[in-house]
Amino acid sequence: MSSARTASEWRWPAGHKSVVMTTRYPLDHPGGVESVARALAGCLGGSDERWRVSHIAAYSRRAGAARIPLLGDLVAAGCLAARIIGKGDVILIHGAEYVWAPLTVGRLTGRPVVAVWHGVRASEAIPPARHPVGKAARRFFLWIESLLERAALRADATVTVSPAVALELQSRYGVKGELKVIPNGVARRTPPRRGNLIEETQNFGAPNGSPLRVIWVGTCAYKKGLDLAMQACRLARARGLDISLTVAGLQAESSGLEAAPGQKWLTWLGPVPPGEMDALYRRHDILLFPSRYEACPMAVLEALAAGLPVIGSSVVQWLIEGAGEVVFGTDALAYAEALRALAEPECRRRMASAALERAQAFSWESSAAGYVEVLDVIGRQRGRQHRHR
């Protein structure tokens, strides 16, 4: 290669196109971030660029330190830093709160680091504390998380999974310039022809005489608004709507919510393997998602791809568009009214058609192309550094 070759023409040398991708848990963990990493690993490995992708997890399961707020983040960052030594030409960290330790390794070994922000931890919805000690602990937690995230802004590239997260980084941390926004994708089914949209949705909807089948999906009860979902269903039932609610991702005892005995309309499934989620969505009529904080939730994208209308909060309005109902605020009665509106079969069929169409706007191929573009930019930067040595 001639030393006169411009940086814009520089490409990764042969044999130097490997990226190590990290997450908190293994890729088969039933979590949104892990599902994103799992899909991207497959797409990047199969792209024209032929990136060799390896994966490292901080924890094998949600146990021990992993269950403790803040401590779990600190230990995870240390574990990831130790495990990436000698692996990959690029380090891609899913979760800004874990970047600080791997970034140190990257600086010492001359490897660029990409930080993927799946939200701003210092802004997430945390259950309010009632006692002074709890309030002080809450403030300490948010302060430390803010420090960890500020360190993540020193990464060689910053990716956010939604425009809202990018705006939040700019307003909260004063980030200047344009940030790379790469929304998550969803497994693409064969797109239905426009004339067949109604036929595609014929099977969606509760059979006559059956309850309206509602599903909530998540692993964080308060942040994802499980309390609002349960209360909305209770209010809807009290007003004569026959409705059932399935809670996927949590058991009753780990939700922090009191479930009255004898509630046959309420089913707790606990964690569901990723491979079983599509079939689970298809056994329901509506995704109820009154989340208090979100970036680009996989539950909403997966529900849309399965043809489910979504009743969600304003933080997922940009995903729902015309494929459901958006509720502003935290009034459970407003969610109950939205359930009543979508209980009408013809309305739900129209929304199901809109959901299938909306899902077509999100694909893993498009997401992977965005990540390849980021890696190419890092390659050009490395090329400039190489020329000036």
Protein backbone atom coordinates (compact mmCIF):
# COMPACT_ATOMS: atom_id res chain seq x y z
CA MET A 1 0.00 0.00 0.00
CA SER A 2 1.43 3.38 -1.03
CA SER A 3 1.98 5.89 1.75
CA ALA A 4 0.30 8.45 -0.52
CA ARG A 5 -3.03 6.62 -0.36
CA THR A 6 -5.64 8.90 1.16
CA ALA A 7 -7.35 8.10 4.45
CA SER A 8 -10.74 8.02 2.72
CA GLU A 9 -9.45 5.16 0.53
CA TRP A 10 -8.03 3.17 3.42
CA ARG A 11 -9.68 -0.15 4.20
CA TRP A 12 -9.21 -2.70 6.93
CA PRO A 13 -6.17 -4.86 6.14
CA ALA A 14 -6.88 -8.47 5.23
CA GLY A 15 -7.43 -10.56 8.33
CA HIS A 16 -8.20 -7.56 10.52
CA LYS A 17 -11.99 -7.45 10.45
CA SER A 18 -13.03 -8.93 13.74
CA VAL A 19 -15.29 -7.35 16.33
CA VAL A 20 -15.91 -8.55 19.86
CA MET A 21 -19.44 -7.75 21.02
CA THR A 22 -20.34 -7.69 24.69
CA THR A 23 -23.58 -7.86 26.66
CA ARG A 24 -24.49 -8.29 30.29
CA TYR A 25 -25.95 -11.78 29.78
CA PRO A 26 -25.54 -14.60 27.20
CA LEU A 27 -27.24 -14.19 23.83
CA ASP A 28 -29.94 -16.74 24.68
CA HIS A 29 -31.00 -14.69 27.70
CA PRO A 30 -34.64 -13.49 27.42
CA GLY A 31 -33.74 -9.80 27.36
CA GLY A 32 -34.13 -7.06 24.78
CA VAL A 33 -30.46 -6.07 24.59
CA GLU A 34 -29.36 -9.68 24.22
CA SER A 35 -31.86 -10.25 21.42
CA VAL A 36 -30.47 -7.19 19.64
CA ALA A 37 -26.88 -8.46 19.97
CA ARG A 38 -27.91 -11.96 18.85
CA ALA A 39 -29.52 -10.65 15.66
CA LEU A 40 -26.69 -8.25 14.87
CA ALA A 41 -24.05 -10.94 15.36
CA GLY A 42 -25.77 -13.06 12.75
CA CYS A 43 -26.26 -10.20 10.28
CA LEU A 44 -22.75 -8.80 10.61
CA GLY A 45 -21.24 -12.24 10.16
CA GLY A 46 -23.31 -12.79 7.02
CA SER A 47 -22.86 -9.32 5.51
CA ASP A 48 -20.77 -8.55 2.43
CA GLU A 49 -18.14 -7.14 4.75
CA ARG A 50 -17.79 -10.58 6.39
CA TRP A 51 -17.04 -9.37 9.86
CA ARG A 52 -15.90 -12.08 12.22
CA VAL A 53 -18.02 -11.59 15.32
CA SER A 54 -17.32 -13.05 18.74
CA HIS A 55 -19.40 -12.49 21.83
CA ILE A 56 -18.60 -12.11 25.51
CA ALA A 57 -21.08 -11.92 28.40
CA ALA A 58 -20.39 -10.56 31.86
CA TYR A 59 -22.69 -13.03 33.65
CA SER A 60 -23.92 -16.50 32.78
CA ARG A 61 -27.28 -15.82 34.44
CA ARG A 62 -29.11 -13.36 36.63
CA ALA A 63 -27.75 -14.39 40.01
CA GLY A 64 -25.38 -13.15 42.70
CA ALA A 65 -23.91 -9.71 42.00
CA ALA A 66 -25.92 -9.47 38.79
CA ARG A 67 -29.08 -8.95 40.84
CA ILE A 68 -27.70 -6.02 42.87
CA PRO A 69 -28.27 -2.52 41.44
CA LEU A 70 -25.11 -0.57 40.61
CA LEU A 71 -22.80 -3.25 42.02
CA GLY A 72 -23.96 -5.51 39.23
CA ASP A 73 -23.02 -2.86 36.66
CA LEU A 74 -19.58 -2.28 38.17
CA VAL A 75 -18.76 -5.99 38.38
CA ALA A 76 -20.06 -6.54 34.84
CA ALA A 77 -17.77 -3.82 33.46
CA GLY A 78 -14.76 -5.36 35.21
CA CYS A 79 -15.59 -8.84 33.95
CA LEU A 80 -15.98 -7.62 30.38
CA ALA A 81 -12.69 -5.73 30.53
CA ALA A 82 -10.83 -8.86 31.68
CA ARG A 83 -12.47 -11.09 29.07
CA ILE A 84 -11.86 -8.88 26.00
CA ILE A 85 -8.09 -8.84 26.43
CA GLY A 86 -6.55 -10.13 23.21
CA LYS A 87 -9.90 -10.46 21.42
CA GLY A 88 -11.18 -8.52 18.43
CA ASP A 89 -9.87 -5.56 16.46
CA VAL A 90 -12.90 -3.52 17.52
CA ILE A 91 -14.73 -3.68 20.85
CA LEU A 92 -18.49 -3.10 20.66
CA ILE A 93 -20.15 -2.63 24.05
CA HIS A 94 -23.93 -2.93 24.38
CA GLY A 95 -24.80 -0.72 27.36
CA ALA A 96 -23.10 2.58 28.14
CA GLU A 97 -22.83 1.80 31.85
CA TYR A 98 -20.31 -0.98 31.10
CA VAL A 99 -18.02 0.98 28.77
CA TRP A 100 -15.59 2.57 31.23
CA ALA A 101 -13.55 -0.56 32.03
CA PRO A 102 -13.37 -2.05 28.49
CA LEU A 103 -12.49 1.45 27.25
CA THR A 104 -9.41 1.40 29.46
CA VAL A 105 -8.38 -1.93 27.93
CA GLY A 106 -9.03 -0.54 24.46
CA ARG A 107 -6.82 2.48 25.08
CA LEU A 108 -3.99 0.35 26.45
CA THR A 109 -4.12 -2.10 23.54
CA GLY A 110 -4.84 0.38 20.75
CA ARG A 111 -8.27 -1.02 19.88
CA PRO A 112 -11.21 1.28 19.10
CA VAL A 113 -14.37 1.03 21.21
CA VAL A 114 -17.96 1.49 20.05
CA ALA A 115 -20.51 2.32 22.77
CA VAL A 116 -24.12 1.38 22.01
CA TRP A 117 -26.64 3.30 24.12
CA HIS A 118 -29.85 1.33 24.66
CA GLY A 119 -31.09 4.14 26.87
CA VAL A 120 -29.74 6.60 29.42
CA ARG A 121 -29.51 4.78 32.74
CA ALA A 122 -29.31 8.02 34.73
CA SER A 123 -32.75 8.97 33.33
CA GLU A 124 -34.54 5.65 33.68
CA ALA A 125 -37.71 5.35 35.70
CA ILE A 126 -36.90 4.08 39.19
CA PRO A 127 -39.57 3.29 41.80
CA PRO A 128 -39.93 6.30 44.12
CA ALA A 129 -38.39 5.94 47.56
CA ARG A 130 -40.51 6.64 50.65
CA HIS A 131 -37.86 6.88 53.36
CA PRO A 132 -34.87 9.26 53.66
CA VAL A 133 -32.34 6.43 53.41
CA GLY A 134 -34.00 5.14 50.27
CA LYS A 135 -34.09 8.61 48.74
CA ALA A 136 -30.39 9.10 49.49
CA ALA A 137 -29.57 5.70 47.96
CA ARG A 138 -31.58 6.62 44.88
CA ARG A 139 -29.67 9.89 44.44
CA PHE A 140 -26.34 8.09 44.91
CA PHE A 141 -27.29 5.45 42.34
CA LEU A 142 -28.21 8.06 39.72
CA TRP A 143 -25.06 10.09 40.41
CA ILE A 144 -22.74 7.09 39.99
CA GLU A 145 -24.57 5.97 36.85
CA SER A 146 -24.15 9.47 35.47
CA LEU A 147 -20.40 9.26 36.05
CA LEU A 148 -20.20 5.88 34.33
CA GLU A 149 -22.13 7.17 31.34
CA ARG A 150 -19.98 10.30 31.02
CA ALA A 151 -16.98 8.00 30.75
CA ALA A 152 -18.75 6.12 27.94
CA LEU A 153 -18.92 9.32 25.90
CA ARG A 154 -15.15 9.02 25.42
CA ALA A 155 -15.61 5.96 23.21
CA ASP A 156 -14.34 6.14 19.63
CA ALA A 157 -17.90 5.92 18.31
CA THR A 158 -21.30 6.42 19.92
CA VAL A 159 -24.44 4.70 18.66
CA THR A 160 -27.95 5.28 20.00
CA VAL A 161 -30.93 3.05 19.24
CA SER A 162 -33.46 5.87 18.95
CA PRO A 163 -33.64 9.59 18.19
CA ALA A 164 -34.92 10.19 21.73
CA VAL A 165 -31.76 8.73 23.27
CA ALA A 166 -29.60 10.93 21.03
CA LEU A 167 -31.54 14.03 22.10
CA GLU A 168 -31.23 13.00 25.72
CA LEU A 169 -27.46 12.68 25.44
CA GLN A 170 -27.27 16.11 23.90
CA SER A 171 -29.47 17.73 26.56
CA ARG A 172 -28.25 15.86 29.65
CA TYR A 173 -24.54 15.60 28.88
CA GLY A 174 -24.09 18.44 26.43
CA VAL A 175 -22.94 16.17 23.60
CA LYS A 176 -22.11 18.23 20.53
CA GLY A 177 -22.47 17.19 16.94
CA GLU A 178 -24.50 14.48 15.28
CA LEU A 179 -24.84 11.06 16.90
CA LYS A 180 -25.29 7.86 14.93
CA VAL A 181 -28.87 6.62 15.40
CA ILE A 182 -29.44 2.97 14.47
CA PRO A 183 -32.90 1.66 15.45
CA ASN A 184 -33.24 -2.00 16.30
CA GLY A 185 -34.69 -4.34 13.73
CA VAL A 186 -37.15 -7.19 13.85
CA ALA A 187 -37.22 -10.58 12.13
CA ARG A 188 -38.72 -9.97 8.72
CA ARG A 189 -41.53 -12.17 7.52
CA THR A 190 -42.49 -12.36 3.87
CA PRO A 191 -44.17 -8.97 3.30
CA PRO A 192 -47.90 -9.45 2.58
CA ARG A 193 -49.16 -7.97 -0.68
CA ARG A 194 -51.34 -4.95 -0.06
CA GLY A 195 -54.41 -6.74 -1.36
CA ASN A 196 -53.82 -9.56 1.11
CA LEU A 197 -53.39 -7.48 4.27
CA ILE A 198 -56.90 -8.20 5.50
CA GLU A 199 -56.43 -11.90 4.76
CA GLU A 200 -53.16 -11.82 6.69
CA THR A 201 -55.02 -10.55 9.76
CA GLN A 202 -58.05 -12.83 9.60
CA ASN A 203 -56.61 -15.07 12.30
CA PHE A 204 -55.85 -12.22 14.68
CA GLY A 205 -58.45 -11.56 17.33
CA ALA A 206 -60.21 -13.49 20.05
CA PRO A 207 -62.79 -16.01 18.93
CA ASN A 208 -66.40 -15.08 19.60
CA GLY A 209 -67.25 -15.52 23.25
CA SER A 210 -63.59 -15.51 24.36
CA PRO A 211 -61.90 -12.84 26.47
CA LEU A 212 -59.86 -10.12 24.83
CA ARG A 213 -56.35 -11.56 25.14
CA VAL A 214 -53.87 -8.93 26.30
CA ILE A 215 -50.13 -9.45 26.85
CA TRP A 216 -47.49 -7.42 28.72
CA VAL A 217 -43.80 -8.20 28.17
CA GLY A 218 -40.83 -7.07 30.25
CA THR A 219 -38.32 -7.78 32.99
CA CYS A 220 -38.59 -4.45 34.89
CA ALA A 221 -42.04 -4.10 36.40
CA TYR A 222 -42.00 -0.41 37.31
CA LYS A 223 -40.08 0.90 34.31
CA LYS A 224 -42.30 -1.03 31.89
CA GLY A 225 -45.49 0.00 33.69
CA LEU A 226 -46.76 -3.40 34.79
CA ASP A 227 -48.65 -1.76 37.66
CA LEU A 228 -50.51 0.44 35.16
CA ALA A 229 -51.24 -2.53 32.90
CA MET A 230 -52.74 -4.58 35.72
CA GLN A 231 -54.80 -1.68 37.01
CA ALA A 232 -56.06 -0.84 33.52
CA CYS A 233 -57.23 -4.43 33.03
CA ARG A 234 -58.97 -4.40 36.42
CA LEU A 235 -60.77 -1.18 35.51
CA ALA A 236 -61.75 -2.50 32.09
CA ARG A 237 -63.14 -5.68 33.65
CA ALA A 238 -65.03 -3.67 36.25
CA ARG A 239 -66.70 -1.85 33.36
CA GLY A 240 -67.86 -5.08 31.76
CA LEU A 241 -65.05 -5.87 29.32
CA ASP A 242 -64.16 -9.57 29.27
CA ILE A 243 -60.39 -9.49 29.25
CA SER A 244 -57.38 -11.63 30.20
CA LEU A 245 -53.83 -10.47 30.87
CA THR A 246 -50.67 -12.51 30.36
CA VAL A 247 -47.47 -11.29 32.02
CA ALA A 248 -44.37 -12.55 30.19
CA GLY A 249 -40.89 -12.05 31.63
CA LEU A 250 -41.69 -11.88 35.33
CA GLN A 251 -43.06 -14.08 38.06
CA ALA A 252 -45.53 -12.59 40.52
CA GLU A 253 -43.12 -12.88 43.44
CA SER A 254 -40.36 -10.96 41.62
CA SER A 255 -42.57 -8.18 40.30
CA GLY A 256 -42.94 -6.31 43.59
CA LEU A 257 -46.70 -6.14 42.97
CA GLU A 258 -49.48 -7.73 44.96
CA ALA A 259 -51.64 -10.08 42.96
CA ALA A 260 -54.93 -10.89 44.66
CA PRO A 261 -55.69 -14.63 44.85
CA GLY A 262 -58.30 -16.07 42.56
CA GLN A 263 -57.58 -13.79 39.60
CA LYS A 264 -58.07 -16.35 36.86
CA TRP A 265 -57.89 -13.63 34.23
CA LEU A 266 -54.24 -12.94 35.16
CA THR A 267 -51.47 -15.37 34.09
CA TRP A 268 -47.80 -15.09 35.07
CA LEU A 269 -45.49 -16.91 32.68
CA GLY A 270 -42.11 -15.82 34.01
CA PRO A 271 -39.12 -15.73 31.62
CA VAL A 272 -39.95 -17.02 28.14
CA PRO A 273 -37.24 -18.39 25.80
CA PRO A 274 -36.67 -16.02 22.84
CA GLY A 275 -37.60 -18.71 20.34
CA GLU A 276 -41.08 -19.04 21.84
CA MET A 277 -42.03 -15.36 21.86
CA ASP A 278 -43.41 -15.18 18.32
CA ALA A 279 -45.90 -17.98 18.99
CA LEU A 280 -46.84 -16.33 22.28
CA TYR A 281 -47.62 -13.02 20.60
CA ARG A 282 -49.82 -14.79 18.09
CA ARG A 283 -51.95 -16.26 20.85
CA HIS A 284 -52.90 -12.75 21.95
CA ASP A 285 -54.80 -9.78 20.57
CA ILE A 286 -53.10 -6.68 22.00
CA LEU A 287 -49.74 -5.73 23.50
CA LEU A 288 -50.35 -3.47 26.50
CA PHE A 289 -47.14 -1.50 27.06
CA PRO A 290 -47.54 1.50 29.42
CA SER A 291 -43.78 1.92 29.79
CA ARG A 292 -42.40 4.86 31.75
CA TYR A 293 -39.04 4.86 29.96
CA GLU A 294 -37.91 3.33 26.67
CA ALA A 295 -35.37 3.63 23.90
CA CYS A 296 -36.27 1.13 21.15
CA PRO A 297 -38.10 -1.76 22.86
CA MET A 298 -37.99 -5.14 21.16
CA ALA A 299 -41.36 -6.11 22.66
CA VAL A 300 -43.11 -3.43 20.61
CA LEU A 301 -41.30 -4.32 17.39
CA GLU A 302 -41.94 -8.04 17.84
CA ALA A 303 -45.61 -7.44 18.58
CA LEU A 304 -46.00 -5.30 15.45
CA ALA A 305 -44.31 -7.98 13.35
CA ALA A 306 -46.77 -10.53 14.75
CA GLY A 307 -49.71 -8.31 13.77
CA LEU A 308 -50.61 -7.16 17.28
CA PRO A 309 -51.92 -3.64 17.82
CA VAL A 310 -50.04 -1.87 20.62
CA ILE A 311 -51.48 0.26 23.39
CA GLY A 312 -48.47 2.15 24.67
CA SER A 313 -47.23 5.25 26.41
CA SER A 314 -45.96 8.37 24.68
CA VAL A 315 -42.35 7.12 24.91
CA VAL A 316 -43.10 4.51 22.21
CA GLN A 317 -45.31 6.74 20.06
CA TRP A 318 -42.61 6.95 17.38
CA LEU A 319 -42.75 3.16 16.99
CA ILE A 320 -46.53 2.71 17.12
CA GLU A 321 -47.66 5.48 14.76
CA GLY A 322 -51.02 4.24 13.42
CA ALA A 323 -50.65 0.65 14.64
CA GLY A 324 -52.39 1.10 17.98
CA GLU A 325 -53.29 3.66 20.62
CA VAL A 326 -50.97 6.05 22.43
CA VAL A 327 -51.82 7.14 25.99
CA PHE A 328 -50.24 10.27 27.46
CA GLY A 329 -49.61 10.32 31.17
CA THR A 330 -49.97 7.55 33.73
CA ASP A 331 -53.74 7.34 34.12
CA ALA A 332 -54.75 3.68 34.28
CA LEU A 333 -58.32 4.65 33.32
CA ALA A 334 -57.04 6.08 30.02
CA TYR A 335 -55.42 2.74 29.26
CA ALA A 336 -58.66 0.97 30.18
CA GLU A 337 -60.53 3.16 27.69
CA ALA A 338 -57.97 2.34 25.00
CA LEU A 339 -58.55 -1.36 25.68
CA ARG A 340 -62.27 -0.84 25.27
CA ALA A 341 -61.72 0.94 21.94
CA LEU A 342 -59.59 -1.88 20.57
CA ALA A 343 -61.97 -4.56 21.83
CA GLU A 344 -64.09 -3.92 18.73
CA PRO A 345 -63.05 -6.66 16.24
CA GLU A 346 -63.11 -4.54 13.08
CA CYS A 347 -61.01 -1.81 14.71
CA ARG A 348 -58.52 -4.44 15.86
CA ARG A 349 -58.28 -5.94 12.37
CA ARG A 350 -57.48 -2.52 10.91
CA MET A 351 -54.84 -2.00 13.57
CA ALA A 352 -53.40 -5.46 12.89
CA SER A 353 -52.97 -4.56 9.22
CA ALA A 354 -51.29 -1.31 10.25
CA ALA A 355 -49.01 -3.23 12.64
CA LEU A 356 -47.79 -5.55 9.88
CA GLU A 357 -47.09 -2.59 7.62
CA ARG A 358 -45.34 -0.62 10.37
CA ALA A 359 -43.03 -3.55 11.17
CA GLN A 360 -41.72 -3.44 7.60
CA ALA A 361 -39.91 -0.19 8.47
CA PHE A 362 -37.52 -2.04 10.80
CA SER A 363 -35.11 -4.75 9.68
CA TRP A 364 -31.92 -6.29 11.02
CA GLU A 365 -30.33 -5.91 7.61
CA SER A 366 -30.76 -2.15 7.84
CA SER A 367 -29.46 -2.09 11.42
CA ALA A 368 -26.42 -4.18 10.49
CA ALA A 369 -25.66 -1.85 7.58
CA GLY A 370 -25.62 1.04 10.04
CA TYR A 371 -23.13 -0.75 12.27
CA VAL A 372 -20.92 -1.63 9.28
CA GLU A 373 -20.89 2.08 8.39
CA VAL A 374 -19.73 2.92 11.92
CA LEU A 375 -16.97 0.30 11.70
CA ASP A 376 -15.87 1.70 8.34
CA VAL A 377 -15.59 5.17 9.85
CA ILE A 378 -13.41 3.75 12.61
CA GLY A 379 -11.35 2.05 9.90
CA ARG A 380 -10.74 5.35 8.15
CA GLN A 381 -9.76 6.92 11.47
CA ARG A 382 -7.33 4.07 12.09
CA GLY A 383 -5.99 4.60 8.59
CA ARG A 384 -5.23 8.24 9.34
CA GLN A 385 -3.50 7.24 12.55
CA HIS A 386 -1.54 4.60 10.62
CA ARG A 387 -0.37 7.18 8.04
CA HIS A 388 0.82 9.63 10.67
CA ARG A 389 2.87 7.17 12.72
